[in-house]
Amino acid sequence: MLYSKIKSDLTTAQKAGESRLVGVLKLIASELSYAQVDFKGGESFGDTQDKLPDEEVVRVLMKEAKKRKDSIEIYVKVGSPERAEEEKYELGVIEGYLPQMMSEGEVAEEVAKIALETGLTGGRLMGAVMGKLRGRVEGSVVQKVVSQSYSS
């Protein structure tokens, strides 16, 4: 469903002549079509992109968002504010399709609950948390919470 929404928004942006938005949405659609091929194990026939599950779409979007965040950081360091602004725009568009991310407090509650249920610590706890909260939390937030309270 999320992939369909992105495709629909791309068509709408093209009709409206919003070239900056069209560029970002085309990039996202391209990454999603690559993910579709990987997801289907190399099969690619017809318009099967709509079969890509939302969890997979969110995974791709999170990866693209991380790329933009890294690029923004680099462009700021090298003194290229206009390129950083372009990356921020792309990041904003991508984040518009991502589900609401959990706050650090909510993550801490979930980590505590999973640690209590499983007795895990450190990297294993982080893996269990990421498995359960995939698509709703950034790995860096989980890593911070786990390393502060549950490192072995």
C-alpha atoms as a PDB file:
ATOM      1  CA  MET A   1       0.000   0.000   0.000  1.00  0.00           C
ATOM      2  CA  LEU A   2       2.825   2.421   0.848  1.00  0.00           C
ATOM      3  CA  TYR A   3       4.536   1.727  -2.465  1.00  0.00           C
ATOM      4  CA  SER A   4       1.261   2.488  -4.264  1.00  0.00           C
ATOM      5  CA  LYS A   5       0.967   5.783  -2.363  1.00  0.00           C
ATOM      6  CA  ILE A   6       4.471   6.811  -3.410  1.00  0.00           C
ATOM      7  CA  LYS A   7       3.724   5.954  -7.062  1.00  0.00           C
ATOM      8  CA  SER A   8       0.450   7.891  -6.872  1.00  0.00           C
ATOM      9  CA  ASP A   9       2.176  10.902  -5.312  1.00  0.00           C
ATOM     10  CA  LEU A  10       4.801  10.754  -8.073  1.00  0.00           C
ATOM     11  CA  THR A  11       2.098  10.929 -10.742  1.00  0.00           C
ATOM     12  CA  THR A  12       0.386  13.812  -8.930  1.00  0.00           C
ATOM     13  CA  ALA A  13       3.686  15.720  -8.610  1.00  0.00           C
ATOM     14  CA  GLN A  14       4.430  15.169 -12.304  1.00  0.00           C
ATOM     15  CA  LYS A  15       1.027  16.538 -13.304  1.00  0.00           C
ATOM     16  CA  ALA A  16       1.504  19.531 -10.995  1.00  0.00           C
ATOM     17  CA  GLY A  17       4.942  20.229 -12.485  1.00  0.00           C
ATOM     18  CA  GLU A  18       6.766  19.983  -9.148  1.00  0.00           C
ATOM     19  CA  SER A  19      10.128  18.971 -10.591  1.00  0.00           C
ATOM     20  CA  ARG A  20      12.032  19.007  -7.268  1.00  0.00           C
ATOM     21  CA  LEU A  21       9.511  16.642  -5.648  1.00  0.00           C
ATOM     22  CA  VAL A  22       9.342  14.487  -8.787  1.00  0.00           C
ATOM     23  CA  GLY A  23      13.119  14.001  -8.633  1.00  0.00           C
ATOM     24  CA  VAL A  24      13.005  12.758  -5.042  1.00  0.00           C
ATOM     25  CA  LEU A  25       9.994  10.498  -5.632  1.00  0.00           C
ATOM     26  CA  LYS A  26      11.603   8.992  -8.750  1.00  0.00           C
ATOM     27  CA  LEU A  27      14.702   8.227  -6.721  1.00  0.00           C
ATOM     28  CA  ILE A  28      12.599   6.555  -4.017  1.00  0.00           C
ATOM     29  CA  ALA A  29      10.591   4.588  -6.611  1.00  0.00           C
ATOM     30  CA  SER A  30      13.826   3.437  -8.223  1.00  0.00           C
ATOM     31  CA  GLU A  31      15.234   2.187  -4.906  1.00  0.00           C
ATOM     32  CA  LEU A  32      11.943   0.415  -4.206  1.00  0.00           C
ATOM     33  CA  SER A  33      11.994  -1.309  -7.587  1.00  0.00           C
ATOM     34  CA  TYR A  34      15.511  -2.586  -6.831  1.00  0.00           C
ATOM     35  CA  ALA A  35      14.244  -3.825  -3.466  1.00  0.00           C
ATOM     36  CA  GLN A  36      11.346  -5.543  -5.256  1.00  0.00           C
ATOM     37  CA  VAL A  37      13.752  -7.506  -7.439  1.00  0.00           C
ATOM     38  CA  ASP A  38      15.836  -8.487  -4.394  1.00  0.00           C
ATOM     39  CA  PHE A  39      12.701  -9.372  -2.433  1.00  0.00           C
ATOM     40  CA  LYS A  40      11.337 -11.594  -5.209  1.00  0.00           C
ATOM     41  CA  GLY A  41      14.703 -13.296  -5.641  1.00  0.00           C
ATOM     42  CA  GLY A  42      15.387 -11.836  -9.070  1.00  0.00           C
ATOM     43  CA  GLU A  43      11.894 -12.293 -10.489  1.00  0.00           C
ATOM     44  CA  SER A  44      10.623  -9.206 -12.241  1.00  0.00           C
ATOM     45  CA  PHE A  45       7.671  -9.312 -14.542  1.00  0.00           C
ATOM     46  CA  GLY A  46       4.728  -7.021 -15.016  1.00  0.00           C
ATOM     47  CA  ASP A  47       3.759  -4.390 -12.476  1.00  0.00           C
ATOM     48  CA  THR A  48       4.503  -6.493  -9.414  1.00  0.00           C
ATOM     49  CA  GLN A  49       5.957  -3.612  -7.407  1.00  0.00           C
ATOM     50  CA  ASP A  50       2.690  -3.253  -5.489  1.00  0.00           C
ATOM     51  CA  LYS A  51       3.435  -6.650  -3.936  1.00  0.00           C
ATOM     52  CA  LEU A  52       6.348  -5.228  -1.952  1.00  0.00           C
ATOM     53  CA  PRO A  53       5.220  -5.386   1.695  1.00  0.00           C
ATOM     54  CA  ASP A  54       5.082  -2.158   3.680  1.00  0.00           C
ATOM     55  CA  GLU A  55       7.726  -3.478   6.107  1.00  0.00           C
ATOM     56  CA  GLU A  56      10.145  -3.789   3.196  1.00  0.00           C
ATOM     57  CA  VAL A  57       9.215  -0.323   1.883  1.00  0.00           C
ATOM     58  CA  VAL A  58       9.849   1.144   5.354  1.00  0.00           C
ATOM     59  CA  ARG A  59      13.210  -0.646   5.512  1.00  0.00           C
ATOM     60  CA  VAL A  60      14.257   0.902   2.186  1.00  0.00           C
ATOM     61  CA  LEU A  61      12.994   4.346   3.227  1.00  0.00           C
ATOM     62  CA  MET A  62      14.893   4.162   6.521  1.00  0.00           C
ATOM     63  CA  LYS A  63      18.064   3.239   4.639  1.00  0.00           C
ATOM     64  CA  GLU A  64      17.555   6.188   2.274  1.00  0.00           C
ATOM     65  CA  ALA A  65      16.864   8.527   5.219  1.00  0.00           C
ATOM     66  CA  LYS A  66      20.110   7.418   6.884  1.00  0.00           C
ATOM     67  CA  LYS A  67      22.018   8.149   3.667  1.00  0.00           C
ATOM     68  CA  ARG A  68      20.572  11.676   3.626  1.00  0.00           C
ATOM     69  CA  LYS A  69      21.444  12.271   7.294  1.00  0.00           C
ATOM     70  CA  ASP A  70      25.018  11.135   6.671  1.00  0.00           C
ATOM     71  CA  SER A  71      25.267  13.351   3.585  1.00  0.00           C
ATOM     72  CA  ILE A  72      23.921  16.380   5.451  1.00  0.00           C
ATOM     73  CA  GLU A  73      26.575  15.890   8.111  1.00  0.00           C
ATOM     74  CA  ILE A  74      29.321  15.660   5.499  1.00  0.00           C
ATOM     75  CA  TYR A  75      28.111  18.694   3.507  1.00  0.00           C
ATOM     76  CA  VAL A  76      27.941  20.795   6.669  1.00  0.00           C
ATOM     77  CA  LYS A  77      31.513  19.759   7.609  1.00  0.00           C
ATOM     78  CA  VAL A  78      32.915  20.639   4.179  1.00  0.00           C
ATOM     79  CA  GLY A  79      31.050  23.948   4.037  1.00  0.00           C
ATOM     80  CA  SER A  80      28.507  23.233   1.319  1.00  0.00           C
ATOM     81  CA  PRO A  81      25.234  24.547   2.791  1.00  0.00           C
ATOM     82  CA  GLU A  82      23.286  24.503  -0.487  1.00  0.00           C
ATOM     83  CA  ARG A  83      23.939  20.780  -0.972  1.00  0.00           C
ATOM     84  CA  ALA A  84      23.077  20.163   2.690  1.00  0.00           C
ATOM     85  CA  GLU A  85      19.751  21.982   2.141  1.00  0.00           C
ATOM     86  CA  GLU A  86      18.971  19.783  -0.871  1.00  0.00           C
ATOM     87  CA  GLU A  87      19.650  16.668   1.212  1.00  0.00           C
ATOM     88  CA  LYS A  88      17.438  18.068   4.001  1.00  0.00           C
ATOM     89  CA  TYR A  89      14.622  18.550   1.493  1.00  0.00           C
ATOM     90  CA  GLU A  90      14.979  14.944   0.294  1.00  0.00           C
ATOM     91  CA  LEU A  91      15.098  13.730   3.894  1.00  0.00           C
ATOM     92  CA  GLY A  92      11.886  15.622   4.656  1.00  0.00           C
ATOM     93  CA  VAL A  93      10.104  13.972   1.723  1.00  0.00           C
ATOM     94  CA  ILE A  94      11.338  10.504   2.732  1.00  0.00           C
ATOM     95  CA  GLU A  95      10.385  11.014   6.384  1.00  0.00           C
ATOM     96  CA  GLY A  96       6.890  11.961   5.233  1.00  0.00           C
ATOM     97  CA  TYR A  97       6.360   8.326   4.221  1.00  0.00           C
ATOM     98  CA  LEU A  98       7.903   6.760   7.313  1.00  0.00           C
ATOM     99  CA  PRO A  99       5.736   5.775  10.266  1.00  0.00           C
ATOM    100  CA  GLN A 100       6.088   7.888  13.407  1.00  0.00           C
ATOM    101  CA  MET A 101       9.317   6.873  15.104  1.00  0.00           C
ATOM    102  CA  MET A 102       9.271   5.940  18.773  1.00  0.00           C
ATOM    103  CA  SER A 103      10.745   8.408  21.267  1.00  0.00           C
ATOM    104  CA  GLU A 104      13.796   7.508  23.335  1.00  0.00           C
ATOM    105  CA  GLY A 105      11.550   7.123  26.408  1.00  0.00           C
ATOM    106  CA  GLU A 106       9.254   4.689  24.601  1.00  0.00           C
ATOM    107  CA  VAL A 107      12.277   2.750  23.373  1.00  0.00           C
ATOM    108  CA  ALA A 108      13.674   2.581  26.923  1.00  0.00           C
ATOM    109  CA  GLU A 109      10.360   1.114  28.147  1.00  0.00           C
ATOM    110  CA  GLU A 110      10.350  -1.526  25.388  1.00  0.00           C
ATOM    111  CA  VAL A 111      14.012  -2.379  25.996  1.00  0.00           C
ATOM    112  CA  ALA A 112      13.338  -2.821  29.720  1.00  0.00           C
ATOM    113  CA  LYS A 113      10.342  -5.048  28.993  1.00  0.00           C
ATOM    114  CA  ILE A 114      12.241  -7.221  26.488  1.00  0.00           C
ATOM    115  CA  ALA A 115      15.289  -7.436  28.797  1.00  0.00           C
ATOM    116  CA  LEU A 116      13.059  -8.594  31.652  1.00  0.00           C
ATOM    117  CA  GLU A 117      11.254 -11.178  29.475  1.00  0.00           C
ATOM    118  CA  THR A 118      14.375 -12.612  27.829  1.00  0.00           C
ATOM    119  CA  GLY A 119      17.213 -11.945  30.273  1.00  0.00           C
ATOM    120  CA  LEU A 120      19.381 -10.750  27.372  1.00  0.00           C
ATOM    121  CA  THR A 121      21.998  -7.993  27.550  1.00  0.00           C
ATOM    122  CA  GLY A 122      24.309  -6.167  25.155  1.00  0.00           C
ATOM    123  CA  GLY A 123      24.253  -7.030  21.471  1.00  0.00           C
ATOM    124  CA  ARG A 124      21.788  -9.884  21.831  1.00  0.00           C
ATOM    125  CA  LEU A 125      19.304  -7.600  23.572  1.00  0.00           C
ATOM    126  CA  MET A 126      19.746  -5.013  20.849  1.00  0.00           C
ATOM    127  CA  GLY A 127      19.061  -7.660  18.197  1.00  0.00           C
ATOM    128  CA  ALA A 128      15.890  -8.782  19.964  1.00  0.00           C
ATOM    129  CA  VAL A 129      14.666  -5.200  20.324  1.00  0.00           C
ATOM    130  CA  MET A 130      15.416  -4.350  16.686  1.00  0.00           C
ATOM    131  CA  GLY A 131      13.590  -7.487  15.567  1.00  0.00           C
ATOM    132  CA  LYS A 132      10.498  -6.536  17.520  1.00  0.00           C
ATOM    133  CA  LEU A 133      10.485  -2.795  16.785  1.00  0.00           C
ATOM    134  CA  ARG A 134      11.729  -2.881  13.190  1.00  0.00           C
ATOM    135  CA  GLY A 135      10.474   0.084  11.187  1.00  0.00           C
ATOM    136  CA  ARG A 136       9.371   2.044  14.252  1.00  0.00           C
ATOM    137  CA  VAL A 137      12.731   2.922  15.741  1.00  0.00           C
ATOM    138  CA  GLU A 138      16.192   3.984  14.609  1.00  0.00           C
ATOM    139  CA  GLY A 139      19.013   1.608  15.460  1.00  0.00           C
ATOM    140  CA  SER A 140      21.094   4.421  16.949  1.00  0.00           C
ATOM    141  CA  VAL A 141      18.409   5.109  19.578  1.00  0.00           C
ATOM    142  CA  VAL A 142      18.208   1.420  20.544  1.00  0.00           C
ATOM    143  CA  GLN A 143      22.002   1.217  20.697  1.00  0.00           C
ATOM    144  CA  LYS A 144      22.161   4.249  22.986  1.00  0.00           C
ATOM    145  CA  VAL A 145      19.511   2.906  25.386  1.00  0.00           C
ATOM    146  CA  VAL A 146      20.988  -0.605  25.474  1.00  0.00           C
ATOM    147  CA  SER A 147      24.576   0.593  25.971  1.00  0.00           C
ATOM    148  CA  GLN A 148      23.544   2.975  28.780  1.00  0.00           C
ATOM    149  CA  SER A 149      21.649   0.426  30.830  1.00  0.00           C
ATOM    150  CA  TYR A 150      22.100  -3.128  29.570  1.00  0.00           C
ATOM    151  CA  SER A 151      25.718  -3.596  28.458  1.00  0.00           C
ATOM    152  CA  SER A 152      27.374  -6.714  29.726  1.00  0.00           C
END
